[in-house]
Amino acid sequence: MPRLSGSARNRSLPPQKRGNGEILADLPANLPHSLSTGSSTGPSIRHSTSHPVGDPTSLEQLKAQIRQLEGFGGKLTGTKQQVLPFGVDAIDDHLPGGGLLRGALHEIFADDAGIATAFCALLAGRLAGDTENHAILWCERPWALDAGALYGPALLQFGIDPARMILVRPRRDTDALWAMEEGLRCGRVAAVIGEITDMSLTASRRLQLAAEETGVTALMLRPKTDKPTPSAAVTRWRLDAVEHATRDTGISEITERANDNDQKRPGTTDLTFNGPSGLDSNGPSGLDTARWRAELFRCRGGIAANWMMEWNDETGNFSLAAEICDRPPVPSAARLAG
């Protein structure tokens, strides 16, 4: 009968039982001392939960790792990401980081082309003023031309230099998405703005990754829809015009005219919505500010919210519209006093 080696004999023997009934298998002899069976309590094979000395894990490092795993931009530096503040404390305090994340994709849905264009133009103008690259790439689709073409001199109100505006007019959404991605990967522009109708999740992911890589912010203008398709955008907004109460008469008038042929957007040669200063003389009497409701219905790392916003001519910025309290829905009937 051939002689069995020691390791073979040990493997052929049944496993040993400890006093509490737990089975203890035979272990090789070359295991580290921490896994040896010399102690009466058996092998110590549990991983220690304590952090090693000299390698502390801070909360900011964990947040940075989570952001990296989610594709939320940047390297694992643990530093605060750059944001573009709105200048409105209520909005900036609600957004993660205190503003709109730079180097990311943001979507704006609206029926009113004037409101959406003004919203994006102001953000793009700020981005151009805060960076060394002052050029802005704007992909303008034919359907948006129904509200009027962009007019360079009017864009000066938003801080956009017409000489640094790169205007692209693609025929299809696929061409516009390609132009946007090329502009983002170039890295020589302050912002990329695109007017897109249909966009797949894959296409939005490509734009988001390109924006993260170069730090260029992408703004996407899209027609309003009740069920937007999934997207990799960091924030998604809905803009709606709201009723205004005129100062002269107190009569509520609706500024949104989505079905009106006179609907125009800022920067057009035939203005109905005359830039940030509000409607022109053909609009409702006594109305001197543009007002809309901004709904943040998706925010990565944040929660949804909505605000009533208006343009402030004095500060050249957004501001929250003052809510009117305890006001009757209709003006009271005139009556004689005394």
C-alpha atoms as a PDB file:
ATOM      1  CA  MET A   1       0.000   0.000   0.000  1.00  0.00           C
ATOM      2  CA  PRO A   2       1.544   3.313  -1.005  1.00  0.00           C
ATOM      3  CA  ARG A   3       2.426   5.723   1.761  1.00  0.00           C
ATOM      4  CA  LEU A   4       0.260   8.853   1.955  1.00  0.00           C
ATOM      5  CA  SER A   5       1.864  12.221   2.479  1.00  0.00           C
ATOM      6  CA  GLY A   6       0.927  14.247   5.491  1.00  0.00           C
ATOM      7  CA  SER A   7      -1.169  16.755   3.530  1.00  0.00           C
ATOM      8  CA  ALA A   8      -3.035  13.924   1.775  1.00  0.00           C
ATOM      9  CA  ARG A   9      -3.754  12.156   5.075  1.00  0.00           C
ATOM     10  CA  ASN A  10      -5.080  15.393   6.547  1.00  0.00           C
ATOM     11  CA  ARG A  11      -7.395  15.924   3.586  1.00  0.00           C
ATOM     12  CA  SER A  12      -8.733  12.374   3.915  1.00  0.00           C
ATOM     13  CA  LEU A  13      -9.614  12.783   7.593  1.00  0.00           C
ATOM     14  CA  PRO A  14     -13.069  14.107   8.559  1.00  0.00           C
ATOM     15  CA  PRO A  15     -13.280  17.724   9.729  1.00  0.00           C
ATOM     16  CA  GLN A  16     -12.855  18.344  13.450  1.00  0.00           C
ATOM     17  CA  LYS A  17     -15.650  19.662  15.629  1.00  0.00           C
ATOM     18  CA  ARG A  18     -15.281  22.249  18.347  1.00  0.00           C
ATOM     19  CA  GLY A  19     -17.152  22.189  21.593  1.00  0.00           C
ATOM     20  CA  ASN A  20     -19.969  24.423  20.399  1.00  0.00           C
ATOM     21  CA  GLY A  21     -20.709  22.162  17.417  1.00  0.00           C
ATOM     22  CA  GLU A  22     -19.066  24.440  14.823  1.00  0.00           C
ATOM     23  CA  ILE A  23     -17.048  22.583  12.214  1.00  0.00           C
ATOM     24  CA  LEU A  24     -13.406  23.588  11.940  1.00  0.00           C
ATOM     25  CA  ALA A  25     -11.751  22.514   8.693  1.00  0.00           C
ATOM     26  CA  ASP A  26      -8.071  21.617   8.506  1.00  0.00           C
ATOM     27  CA  LEU A  27      -5.971  24.512   7.230  1.00  0.00           C
ATOM     28  CA  PRO A  28      -2.633  24.408   5.415  1.00  0.00           C
ATOM     29  CA  ALA A  29       0.443  24.874   7.529  1.00  0.00           C
ATOM     30  CA  ASN A  30       1.762  27.858   5.565  1.00  0.00           C
ATOM     31  CA  LEU A  31      -1.051  30.271   6.513  1.00  0.00           C
ATOM     32  CA  PRO A  32      -0.152  33.538   8.264  1.00  0.00           C
ATOM     33  CA  HIS A  33      -0.014  33.517  12.023  1.00  0.00           C
ATOM     34  CA  SER A  34      -3.289  35.433  12.236  1.00  0.00           C
ATOM     35  CA  LEU A  35      -5.067  32.517  10.498  1.00  0.00           C
ATOM     36  CA  SER A  36      -3.358  29.737  12.449  1.00  0.00           C
ATOM     37  CA  THR A  37      -5.346  27.313  14.586  1.00  0.00           C
ATOM     38  CA  GLY A  38      -3.071  27.540  17.560  1.00  0.00           C
ATOM     39  CA  SER A  39      -5.508  29.492  19.721  1.00  0.00           C
ATOM     40  CA  SER A  40      -8.328  27.811  21.574  1.00  0.00           C
ATOM     41  CA  THR A  41     -10.899  29.989  19.880  1.00  0.00           C
ATOM     42  CA  GLY A  42     -10.021  28.829  16.372  1.00  0.00           C
ATOM     43  CA  PRO A  43      -8.706  30.791  13.408  1.00  0.00           C
ATOM     44  CA  SER A  44      -9.105  34.561  13.282  1.00  0.00           C
ATOM     45  CA  ILE A  45     -10.265  35.099   9.696  1.00  0.00           C
ATOM     46  CA  ARG A  46     -12.556  38.125  10.154  1.00  0.00           C
ATOM     47  CA  HIS A  47     -11.479  41.376   8.493  1.00  0.00           C
ATOM     48  CA  SER A  48     -10.900  44.203  10.912  1.00  0.00           C
ATOM     49  CA  THR A  49     -13.426  47.048  10.538  1.00  0.00           C
ATOM     50  CA  SER A  50     -11.107  49.671  11.962  1.00  0.00           C
ATOM     51  CA  HIS A  51      -9.276  51.996   9.579  1.00  0.00           C
ATOM     52  CA  PRO A  52      -5.479  51.624   9.512  1.00  0.00           C
ATOM     53  CA  VAL A  53      -3.462  54.200  11.373  1.00  0.00           C
ATOM     54  CA  GLY A  54      -2.332  57.064   9.142  1.00  0.00           C
ATOM     55  CA  ASP A  55      -5.059  56.447   6.509  1.00  0.00           C
ATOM     56  CA  PRO A  56      -8.145  58.346   7.712  1.00  0.00           C
ATOM     57  CA  THR A  57     -11.246  58.407   5.526  1.00  0.00           C
ATOM     58  CA  SER A  58     -12.924  61.796   5.629  1.00  0.00           C
ATOM     59  CA  LEU A  59     -16.473  62.604   4.669  1.00  0.00           C
ATOM     60  CA  GLU A  60     -15.338  64.776   1.757  1.00  0.00           C
ATOM     61  CA  GLN A  61     -13.246  61.940   0.325  1.00  0.00           C
ATOM     62  CA  LEU A  62     -16.218  59.599   0.489  1.00  0.00           C
ATOM     63  CA  LYS A  63     -18.404  62.183  -1.239  1.00  0.00           C
ATOM     64  CA  ALA A  64     -15.803  62.609  -3.972  1.00  0.00           C
ATOM     65  CA  GLN A  65     -15.641  58.851  -4.519  1.00  0.00           C
ATOM     66  CA  ILE A  66     -19.429  58.645  -4.758  1.00  0.00           C
ATOM     67  CA  ARG A  67     -19.485  61.486  -7.267  1.00  0.00           C
ATOM     68  CA  GLN A  68     -16.819  59.728  -9.321  1.00  0.00           C
ATOM     69  CA  LEU A  69     -18.739  56.434  -9.304  1.00  0.00           C
ATOM     70  CA  GLU A  70     -21.899  58.246 -10.391  1.00  0.00           C
ATOM     71  CA  GLY A  71     -20.035  60.068 -13.133  1.00  0.00           C
ATOM     72  CA  PHE A  72     -20.699  63.381 -11.401  1.00  0.00           C
ATOM     73  CA  GLY A  73     -17.633  65.044 -12.848  1.00  0.00           C
ATOM     74  CA  GLY A  74     -14.044  65.590 -11.975  1.00  0.00           C
ATOM     75  CA  LYS A  75     -11.232  63.631 -10.486  1.00  0.00           C
ATOM     76  CA  LEU A  76     -11.066  62.293  -6.948  1.00  0.00           C
ATOM     77  CA  THR A  77      -9.674  65.533  -5.585  1.00  0.00           C
ATOM     78  CA  GLY A  78     -12.144  65.990  -2.771  1.00  0.00           C
ATOM     79  CA  THR A  79     -12.304  69.710  -3.574  1.00  0.00           C
ATOM     80  CA  LYS A  80     -15.500  71.676  -4.043  1.00  0.00           C
ATOM     81  CA  GLN A  81     -16.740  71.609  -7.616  1.00  0.00           C
ATOM     82  CA  GLN A  82     -17.151  74.854  -9.523  1.00  0.00           C
ATOM     83  CA  VAL A  83     -20.686  76.128  -9.827  1.00  0.00           C
ATOM     84  CA  LEU A  84     -22.434  79.058 -11.476  1.00  0.00           C
ATOM     85  CA  PRO A  85     -24.666  80.776  -8.911  1.00  0.00           C
ATOM     86  CA  PHE A  86     -28.010  82.190  -9.977  1.00  0.00           C
ATOM     87  CA  GLY A  87     -27.599  85.133  -7.635  1.00  0.00           C
ATOM     88  CA  VAL A  88     -30.827  84.201  -5.854  1.00  0.00           C
ATOM     89  CA  ASP A  89     -30.180  82.854  -2.369  1.00  0.00           C
ATOM     90  CA  ALA A  90     -33.290  80.672  -2.273  1.00  0.00           C
ATOM     91  CA  ILE A  91     -32.239  78.871  -5.461  1.00  0.00           C
ATOM     92  CA  ASP A  92     -28.498  78.724  -4.805  1.00  0.00           C
ATOM     93  CA  ASP A  93     -29.020  77.352  -1.287  1.00  0.00           C
ATOM     94  CA  HIS A  94     -31.248  74.611  -2.685  1.00  0.00           C
ATOM     95  CA  LEU A  95     -28.855  73.457  -5.423  1.00  0.00           C
ATOM     96  CA  PRO A  96     -25.985  71.117  -4.454  1.00  0.00           C
ATOM     97  CA  GLY A  97     -22.796  73.146  -4.218  1.00  0.00           C
ATOM     98  CA  GLY A  98     -24.606  76.481  -4.209  1.00  0.00           C
ATOM     99  CA  GLY A  99     -25.358  76.893  -7.899  1.00  0.00           C
ATOM    100  CA  LEU A 100     -25.533  75.341 -11.334  1.00  0.00           C
ATOM    101  CA  LEU A 101     -22.762  72.801 -11.788  1.00  0.00           C
ATOM    102  CA  ARG A 102     -20.194  73.777 -14.418  1.00  0.00           C
ATOM    103  CA  GLY A 103     -18.815  71.200 -16.796  1.00  0.00           C
ATOM    104  CA  ALA A 104     -22.165  69.412 -16.973  1.00  0.00           C
ATOM    105  CA  LEU A 105     -25.281  69.077 -19.109  1.00  0.00           C
ATOM    106  CA  HIS A 106     -28.438  70.965 -18.117  1.00  0.00           C
ATOM    107  CA  GLU A 107     -31.812  70.713 -19.874  1.00  0.00           C
ATOM    108  CA  ILE A 108     -34.462  73.436 -20.120  1.00  0.00           C
ATOM    109  CA  PHE A 109     -37.989  72.568 -21.309  1.00  0.00           C
ATOM    110  CA  ALA A 110     -40.339  75.384 -22.314  1.00  0.00           C
ATOM    111  CA  ASP A 111     -43.169  76.178 -24.705  1.00  0.00           C
ATOM    112  CA  ASP A 112     -42.291  79.866 -24.817  1.00  0.00           C
ATOM    113  CA  ALA A 113     -39.158  80.294 -26.910  1.00  0.00           C
ATOM    114  CA  GLY A 114     -38.573  83.786 -25.541  1.00  0.00           C
ATOM    115  CA  ILE A 115     -38.423  82.689 -21.922  1.00  0.00           C
ATOM    116  CA  ALA A 116     -36.166  79.712 -22.647  1.00  0.00           C
ATOM    117  CA  THR A 117     -33.782  81.772 -24.767  1.00  0.00           C
ATOM    118  CA  ALA A 118     -33.546  84.530 -22.165  1.00  0.00           C
ATOM    119  CA  PHE A 119     -32.896  81.975 -19.423  1.00  0.00           C
ATOM    120  CA  CYS A 120     -30.075  80.289 -21.349  1.00  0.00           C
ATOM    121  CA  ALA A 121     -28.621  83.511 -22.745  1.00  0.00           C
ATOM    122  CA  LEU A 122     -28.148  85.001 -19.294  1.00  0.00           C
ATOM    123  CA  LEU A 123     -26.444  81.856 -17.993  1.00  0.00           C
ATOM    124  CA  ALA A 124     -24.221  81.678 -21.075  1.00  0.00           C
ATOM    125  CA  GLY A 125     -23.292  85.343 -20.739  1.00  0.00           C
ATOM    126  CA  ARG A 126     -22.173  84.773 -17.162  1.00  0.00           C
ATOM    127  CA  LEU A 127     -20.131  81.756 -18.150  1.00  0.00           C
ATOM    128  CA  ALA A 128     -18.438  83.781 -20.880  1.00  0.00           C
ATOM    129  CA  GLY A 129     -17.622  86.549 -18.425  1.00  0.00           C
ATOM    130  CA  ASP A 130     -16.178  84.205 -15.790  1.00  0.00           C
ATOM    131  CA  THR A 131     -13.837  82.211 -18.048  1.00  0.00           C
ATOM    132  CA  GLU A 132     -10.915  82.985 -20.322  1.00  0.00           C
ATOM    133  CA  ASN A 133     -12.775  81.527 -23.291  1.00  0.00           C
ATOM    134  CA  HIS A 134     -15.510  84.019 -24.157  1.00  0.00           C
ATOM    135  CA  ALA A 135     -16.839  82.246 -27.249  1.00  0.00           C
ATOM    136  CA  ILE A 136     -20.272  80.603 -27.173  1.00  0.00           C
ATOM    137  CA  LEU A 137     -21.423  77.870 -29.534  1.00  0.00           C
ATOM    138  CA  TRP A 138     -25.167  78.011 -30.246  1.00  0.00           C
ATOM    139  CA  CYS A 139     -26.845  75.296 -32.337  1.00  0.00           C
ATOM    140  CA  GLU A 140     -30.073  76.827 -33.631  1.00  0.00           C
ATOM    141  CA  ARG A 141     -32.717  74.547 -35.129  1.00  0.00           C
ATOM    142  CA  PRO A 142     -35.206  75.529 -37.850  1.00  0.00           C
ATOM    143  CA  TRP A 143     -38.232  75.036 -35.584  1.00  0.00           C
ATOM    144  CA  ALA A 144     -36.911  77.717 -33.227  1.00  0.00           C
ATOM    145  CA  LEU A 145     -36.728  80.212 -36.095  1.00  0.00           C
ATOM    146  CA  ASP A 146     -40.522  80.449 -36.000  1.00  0.00           C
ATOM    147  CA  ALA A 147     -40.056  82.687 -32.958  1.00  0.00           C
ATOM    148  CA  GLY A 148     -37.398  84.765 -34.709  1.00  0.00           C
ATOM    149  CA  ALA A 149     -33.686  84.393 -35.367  1.00  0.00           C
ATOM    150  CA  LEU A 150     -31.131  85.388 -32.765  1.00  0.00           C
ATOM    151  CA  TYR A 151     -30.143  89.051 -33.088  1.00  0.00           C
ATOM    152  CA  GLY A 152     -26.580  89.809 -32.028  1.00  0.00           C
ATOM    153  CA  PRO A 153     -26.928  93.379 -30.670  1.00  0.00           C
ATOM    154  CA  ALA A 154     -29.839  92.344 -28.449  1.00  0.00           C
ATOM    155  CA  LEU A 155     -27.692  89.598 -26.883  1.00  0.00           C
ATOM    156  CA  LEU A 156     -25.419  92.305 -25.451  1.00  0.00           C
ATOM    157  CA  GLN A 157     -28.063  92.759 -22.745  1.00  0.00           C
ATOM    158  CA  PHE A 158     -27.119  89.311 -21.480  1.00  0.00           C
ATOM    159  CA  GLY A 159     -23.362  89.873 -21.565  1.00  0.00           C
ATOM    160  CA  ILE A 160     -22.813  87.972 -24.823  1.00  0.00           C
ATOM    161  CA  ASP A 161     -20.431  89.521 -27.336  1.00  0.00           C
ATOM    162  CA  PRO A 162     -21.916  88.938 -30.822  1.00  0.00           C
ATOM    163  CA  ALA A 163     -18.395  88.833 -32.264  1.00  0.00           C
ATOM    164  CA  ARG A 164     -17.657  85.766 -30.109  1.00  0.00           C
ATOM    165  CA  MET A 165     -20.871  83.936 -30.970  1.00  0.00           C
ATOM    166  CA  ILE A 166     -20.530  80.802 -33.113  1.00  0.00           C
ATOM    167  CA  LEU A 167     -23.925  80.102 -34.667  1.00  0.00           C
ATOM    168  CA  VAL A 168     -24.627  76.678 -36.192  1.00  0.00           C
ATOM    169  CA  ARG A 169     -27.888  75.822 -37.958  1.00  0.00           C
ATOM    170  CA  PRO A 170     -28.062  72.041 -38.426  1.00  0.00           C
ATOM    171  CA  ARG A 171     -31.006  70.448 -40.191  1.00  0.00           C
ATOM    172  CA  ARG A 172     -31.390  67.387 -37.956  1.00  0.00           C
ATOM    173  CA  ASP A 173     -31.132  66.625 -34.253  1.00  0.00           C
ATOM    174  CA  THR A 174     -28.318  64.163 -34.915  1.00  0.00           C
ATOM    175  CA  ASP A 175     -26.297  66.895 -36.614  1.00  0.00           C
ATOM    176  CA  ALA A 176     -26.945  69.281 -33.734  1.00  0.00           C
ATOM    177  CA  LEU A 177     -25.875  66.671 -31.177  1.00  0.00           C
ATOM    178  CA  TRP A 178     -22.679  66.020 -33.146  1.00  0.00           C
ATOM    179  CA  ALA A 179     -21.885  69.747 -33.279  1.00  0.00           C
ATOM    180  CA  MET A 180     -22.519  70.107 -29.549  1.00  0.00           C
ATOM    181  CA  GLU A 181     -20.237  67.204 -28.686  1.00  0.00           C
ATOM    182  CA  GLU A 182     -17.474  68.562 -30.913  1.00  0.00           C
ATOM    183  CA  GLY A 183     -17.790  71.958 -29.256  1.00  0.00           C
ATOM    184  CA  LEU A 184     -17.672  70.452 -25.776  1.00  0.00           C
ATOM    185  CA  ARG A 185     -14.610  68.342 -26.532  1.00  0.00           C
ATOM    186  CA  CYS A 186     -12.861  71.336 -28.078  1.00  0.00           C
ATOM    187  CA  GLY A 187     -12.746  73.061 -24.712  1.00  0.00           C
ATOM    188  CA  ARG A 188     -12.189  76.501 -26.291  1.00  0.00           C
ATOM    189  CA  VAL A 189     -15.687  77.824 -25.641  1.00  0.00           C
ATOM    190  CA  ALA A 190     -17.374  79.045 -22.488  1.00  0.00           C
ATOM    191  CA  ALA A 191     -20.687  77.304 -23.129  1.00  0.00           C
ATOM    192  CA  VAL A 192     -22.456  75.154 -25.699  1.00  0.00           C
ATOM    193  CA  ILE A 193     -26.177  75.686 -26.271  1.00  0.00           C
ATOM    194  CA  GLY A 194     -28.295  73.357 -28.362  1.00  0.00           C
ATOM    195  CA  GLU A 195     -31.932  73.394 -29.456  1.00  0.00           C
ATOM    196  CA  ILE A 196     -32.931  69.732 -29.604  1.00  0.00           C
ATOM    197  CA  THR A 197     -36.269  67.992 -30.051  1.00  0.00           C
ATOM    198  CA  ASP A 198     -35.367  64.300 -29.648  1.00  0.00           C
ATOM    199  CA  MET A 199     -32.378  62.989 -27.727  1.00  0.00           C
ATOM    200  CA  SER A 200     -31.615  59.458 -26.560  1.00  0.00           C
ATOM    201  CA  LEU A 201     -30.133  58.553 -23.207  1.00  0.00           C
ATOM    202  CA  THR A 202     -26.916  57.487 -24.940  1.00  0.00           C
ATOM    203  CA  ALA A 203     -26.588  60.836 -26.703  1.00  0.00           C
ATOM    204  CA  SER A 204     -27.129  62.753 -23.468  1.00  0.00           C
ATOM    205  CA  ARG A 205     -24.548  60.572 -21.746  1.00  0.00           C
ATOM    206  CA  ARG A 206     -21.991  61.382 -24.442  1.00  0.00           C
ATOM    207  CA  LEU A 207     -22.599  65.098 -23.963  1.00  0.00           C
ATOM    208  CA  GLN A 208     -22.335  64.782 -20.186  1.00  0.00           C
ATOM    209  CA  LEU A 209     -19.029  62.917 -20.409  1.00  0.00           C
ATOM    210  CA  ALA A 210     -17.651  65.445 -22.895  1.00  0.00           C
ATOM    211  CA  ALA A 211     -18.645  68.317 -20.603  1.00  0.00           C
ATOM    212  CA  GLU A 212     -16.996  66.633 -17.618  1.00  0.00           C
ATOM    213  CA  GLU A 213     -13.795  66.050 -19.567  1.00  0.00           C
ATOM    214  CA  THR A 214     -13.236  69.681 -20.593  1.00  0.00           C
ATOM    215  CA  GLY A 215     -15.241  71.577 -17.974  1.00  0.00           C
ATOM    216  CA  VAL A 216     -17.428  73.288 -20.607  1.00  0.00           C
ATOM    217  CA  THR A 217     -21.066  73.726 -19.610  1.00  0.00           C
ATOM    218  CA  ALA A 218     -23.806  72.491 -21.955  1.00  0.00           C
ATOM    219  CA  LEU A 219     -27.323  73.964 -21.994  1.00  0.00           C
ATOM    220  CA  MET A 220     -30.054  72.131 -23.873  1.00  0.00           C
ATOM    221  CA  LEU A 221     -33.238  73.917 -24.987  1.00  0.00           C
ATOM    222  CA  ARG A 222     -36.095  71.512 -25.665  1.00  0.00           C
ATOM    223  CA  PRO A 223     -39.833  71.850 -26.363  1.00  0.00           C
ATOM    224  CA  LYS A 224     -41.966  71.220 -23.318  1.00  0.00           C
ATOM    225  CA  THR A 225     -43.363  67.712 -22.928  1.00  0.00           C
ATOM    226  CA  ASP A 226     -45.424  65.991 -20.254  1.00  0.00           C
ATOM    227  CA  LYS A 227     -43.223  62.869 -20.252  1.00  0.00           C
ATOM    228  CA  PRO A 228     -39.582  63.730 -20.961  1.00  0.00           C
ATOM    229  CA  THR A 229     -37.399  60.802 -21.950  1.00  0.00           C
ATOM    230  CA  PRO A 230     -34.591  59.646 -19.623  1.00  0.00           C
ATOM    231  CA  SER A 231     -31.480  61.779 -19.745  1.00  0.00           C
ATOM    232  CA  ALA A 232     -28.027  61.980 -18.166  1.00  0.00           C
ATOM    233  CA  ALA A 233     -28.388  65.732 -17.572  1.00  0.00           C
ATOM    234  CA  VAL A 234     -27.406  66.882 -14.095  1.00  0.00           C
ATOM    235  CA  THR A 235     -30.411  69.218 -13.822  1.00  0.00           C
ATOM    236  CA  ARG A 236     -33.670  69.398 -15.779  1.00  0.00           C
ATOM    237  CA  TRP A 237     -35.920  72.466 -15.728  1.00  0.00           C
ATOM    238  CA  ARG A 238     -39.419  73.420 -16.874  1.00  0.00           C
ATOM    239  CA  LEU A 239     -40.184  77.073 -17.579  1.00  0.00           C
ATOM    240  CA  ASP A 240     -43.768  78.332 -17.753  1.00  0.00           C
ATOM    241  CA  ALA A 241     -45.083  81.842 -18.165  1.00  0.00           C
ATOM    242  CA  VAL A 242     -47.472  82.941 -15.428  1.00  0.00           C
ATOM    243  CA  GLU A 243     -50.300  85.397 -15.002  1.00  0.00           C
ATOM    244  CA  HIS A 244     -49.353  88.970 -14.207  1.00  0.00           C
ATOM    245  CA  ALA A 245     -51.317  91.593 -12.401  1.00  0.00           C
ATOM    246  CA  THR A 246     -50.855  94.927 -14.163  1.00  0.00           C
ATOM    247  CA  ARG A 247     -49.973  97.889 -12.020  1.00  0.00           C
ATOM    248  CA  ASP A 248     -52.424 100.202 -13.773  1.00  0.00           C
ATOM    249  CA  THR A 249     -55.627  98.170 -13.661  1.00  0.00           C
ATOM    250  CA  GLY A 250     -54.954  95.168 -11.428  1.00  0.00           C
ATOM    251  CA  ILE A 251     -56.399  92.929 -14.127  1.00  0.00           C
ATOM    252  CA  SER A 252     -54.677  89.582 -14.573  1.00  0.00           C
ATOM    253  CA  GLU A 253     -53.306  89.035 -18.050  1.00  0.00           C
ATOM    254  CA  ILE A 254     -51.476  85.990 -19.335  1.00  0.00           C
ATOM    255  CA  THR A 255     -48.071  86.670 -20.821  1.00  0.00           C
ATOM    256  CA  GLU A 256     -47.657  83.239 -22.343  1.00  0.00           C
ATOM    257  CA  ARG A 257     -48.863  83.231 -25.950  1.00  0.00           C
ATOM    258  CA  ALA A 258     -47.735  79.863 -27.180  1.00  0.00           C
ATOM    259  CA  ASN A 259     -50.429  79.770 -29.849  1.00  0.00           C
ATOM    260  CA  ASP A 260     -49.981  83.410 -30.864  1.00  0.00           C
ATOM    261  CA  ASN A 261     -48.120  84.173 -34.059  1.00  0.00           C
ATOM    262  CA  ASP A 262     -46.610  87.241 -32.366  1.00  0.00           C
ATOM    263  CA  GLN A 263     -44.571  85.127 -29.952  1.00  0.00           C
ATOM    264  CA  LYS A 264     -40.931  86.104 -30.251  1.00  0.00           C
ATOM    265  CA  ARG A 265     -37.770  85.486 -28.308  1.00  0.00           C
ATOM    266  CA  PRO A 266     -34.977  87.787 -27.134  1.00  0.00           C
ATOM    267  CA  GLY A 267     -32.496  88.812 -29.765  1.00  0.00           C
ATOM    268  CA  THR A 268     -34.912  88.904 -32.697  1.00  0.00           C
ATOM    269  CA  THR A 269     -35.431  91.665 -35.219  1.00  0.00           C
ATOM    270  CA  ASP A 270     -39.197  91.806 -34.558  1.00  0.00           C
ATOM    271  CA  LEU A 271     -39.443  91.760 -30.814  1.00  0.00           C
ATOM    272  CA  THR A 272     -42.514  90.880 -28.863  1.00  0.00           C
ATOM    273  CA  PHE A 273     -40.571  89.575 -25.865  1.00  0.00           C
ATOM    274  CA  ASN A 274     -38.013  92.374 -25.793  1.00  0.00           C
ATOM    275  CA  GLY A 275     -35.152  90.725 -23.973  1.00  0.00           C
ATOM    276  CA  PRO A 276     -34.935  90.812 -20.194  1.00  0.00           C
ATOM    277  CA  SER A 277     -36.737  94.144 -19.913  1.00  0.00           C
ATOM    278  CA  GLY A 278     -40.090  92.473 -20.550  1.00  0.00           C
ATOM    279  CA  LEU A 279     -42.736  92.859 -23.215  1.00  0.00           C
ATOM    280  CA  ASP A 280     -42.834  95.704 -25.705  1.00  0.00           C
ATOM    281  CA  SER A 281     -45.416  98.428 -26.068  1.00  0.00           C
ATOM    282  CA  ASN A 282     -47.811  96.033 -27.811  1.00  0.00           C
ATOM    283  CA  GLY A 283     -48.002  93.879 -24.701  1.00  0.00           C
ATOM    284  CA  PRO A 284     -50.240  94.322 -21.668  1.00  0.00           C
ATOM    285  CA  SER A 285     -50.261  97.862 -20.323  1.00  0.00           C
ATOM    286  CA  GLY A 286     -48.400  98.428 -17.071  1.00  0.00           C
ATOM    287  CA  LEU A 287     -46.419  95.196 -17.344  1.00  0.00           C
ATOM    288  CA  ASP A 288     -42.727  95.972 -17.097  1.00  0.00           C
ATOM    289  CA  THR A 289     -41.085  92.716 -16.034  1.00  0.00           C
ATOM    290  CA  ALA A 290     -40.896  89.223 -17.457  1.00  0.00           C
ATOM    291  CA  ARG A 291     -42.080  86.615 -14.976  1.00  0.00           C
ATOM    292  CA  TRP A 292     -42.127  82.841 -15.154  1.00  0.00           C
ATOM    293  CA  ARG A 293     -42.237  79.755 -12.976  1.00  0.00           C
ATOM    294  CA  ALA A 294     -39.046  77.707 -12.956  1.00  0.00           C
ATOM    295  CA  GLU A 295     -39.516  74.083 -11.932  1.00  0.00           C
ATOM    296  CA  LEU A 296     -36.473  71.988 -11.129  1.00  0.00           C
ATOM    297  CA  PHE A 297     -37.962  68.532 -11.641  1.00  0.00           C
ATOM    298  CA  ARG A 298     -34.675  66.613 -11.602  1.00  0.00           C
ATOM    299  CA  CYS A 299     -31.441  67.398  -9.822  1.00  0.00           C
ATOM    300  CA  ARG A 300     -28.674  64.887  -9.311  1.00  0.00           C
ATOM    301  CA  GLY A 301     -27.711  65.008  -5.665  1.00  0.00           C
ATOM    302  CA  GLY A 302     -30.649  67.295  -4.825  1.00  0.00           C
ATOM    303  CA  ILE A 303     -34.430  67.409  -4.649  1.00  0.00           C
ATOM    304  CA  ALA A 304     -37.099  68.917  -6.881  1.00  0.00           C
ATOM    305  CA  ALA A 305     -38.439  72.413  -6.283  1.00  0.00           C
ATOM    306  CA  ASN A 306     -40.026  75.349  -8.093  1.00  0.00           C
ATOM    307  CA  TRP A 307     -39.779  79.114  -7.858  1.00  0.00           C
ATOM    308  CA  MET A 308     -41.570  82.148  -9.249  1.00  0.00           C
ATOM    309  CA  MET A 309     -38.854  84.166 -10.974  1.00  0.00           C
ATOM    310  CA  GLU A 310     -38.694  87.522 -12.716  1.00  0.00           C
ATOM    311  CA  TRP A 311     -36.113  89.724 -14.383  1.00  0.00           C
ATOM    312  CA  ASN A 312     -34.811  92.602 -12.274  1.00  0.00           C
ATOM    313  CA  ASP A 313     -33.783  95.581 -14.405  1.00  0.00           C
ATOM    314  CA  GLU A 314     -32.000  97.277 -11.510  1.00  0.00           C
ATOM    315  CA  THR A 315     -29.620  94.405 -10.816  1.00  0.00           C
ATOM    316  CA  GLY A 316     -29.576  92.889 -14.299  1.00  0.00           C
ATOM    317  CA  ASN A 317     -30.302  89.529 -12.733  1.00  0.00           C
ATOM    318  CA  PHE A 318     -32.983  87.063 -11.783  1.00  0.00           C
ATOM    319  CA  SER A 319     -34.963  87.603  -8.623  1.00  0.00           C
ATOM    320  CA  LEU A 320     -37.841  85.872  -6.903  1.00  0.00           C
ATOM    321  CA  ALA A 321     -41.223  87.390  -7.644  1.00  0.00           C
ATOM    322  CA  ALA A 322     -43.035  88.682  -4.590  1.00  0.00           C
ATOM    323  CA  GLU A 323     -46.079  86.598  -3.772  1.00  0.00           C
ATOM    324  CA  ILE A 324     -49.293  88.595  -3.357  1.00  0.00           C
ATOM    325  CA  CYS A 325     -51.096  87.538  -0.178  1.00  0.00           C
ATOM    326  CA  ASP A 326     -54.797  87.761   0.697  1.00  0.00           C
ATOM    327  CA  ARG A 327     -55.763  89.205  -2.676  1.00  0.00           C
ATOM    328  CA  PRO A 328     -59.214  88.520  -4.179  1.00  0.00           C
ATOM    329  CA  PRO A 329     -59.237  86.590  -7.453  1.00  0.00           C
ATOM    330  CA  VAL A 330     -61.060  89.459  -9.249  1.00  0.00           C
ATOM    331  CA  PRO A 331     -61.068  93.242  -8.659  1.00  0.00           C
ATOM    332  CA  SER A 332     -63.881  94.491  -6.453  1.00  0.00           C
ATOM    333  CA  ALA A 333     -66.744  96.441  -8.017  1.00  0.00           C
ATOM    334  CA  ALA A 334     -66.459 100.224  -8.074  1.00  0.00           C
ATOM    335  CA  ARG A 335     -68.581 102.047  -5.491  1.00  0.00           C
ATOM    336  CA  LEU A 336     -69.155 105.542  -4.211  1.00  0.00           C
ATOM    337  CA  ALA A 337     -67.484 106.562  -0.980  1.00  0.00           C
ATOM    338  CA  GLY A 338     -69.251 108.657   1.667  1.00  0.00           C
END
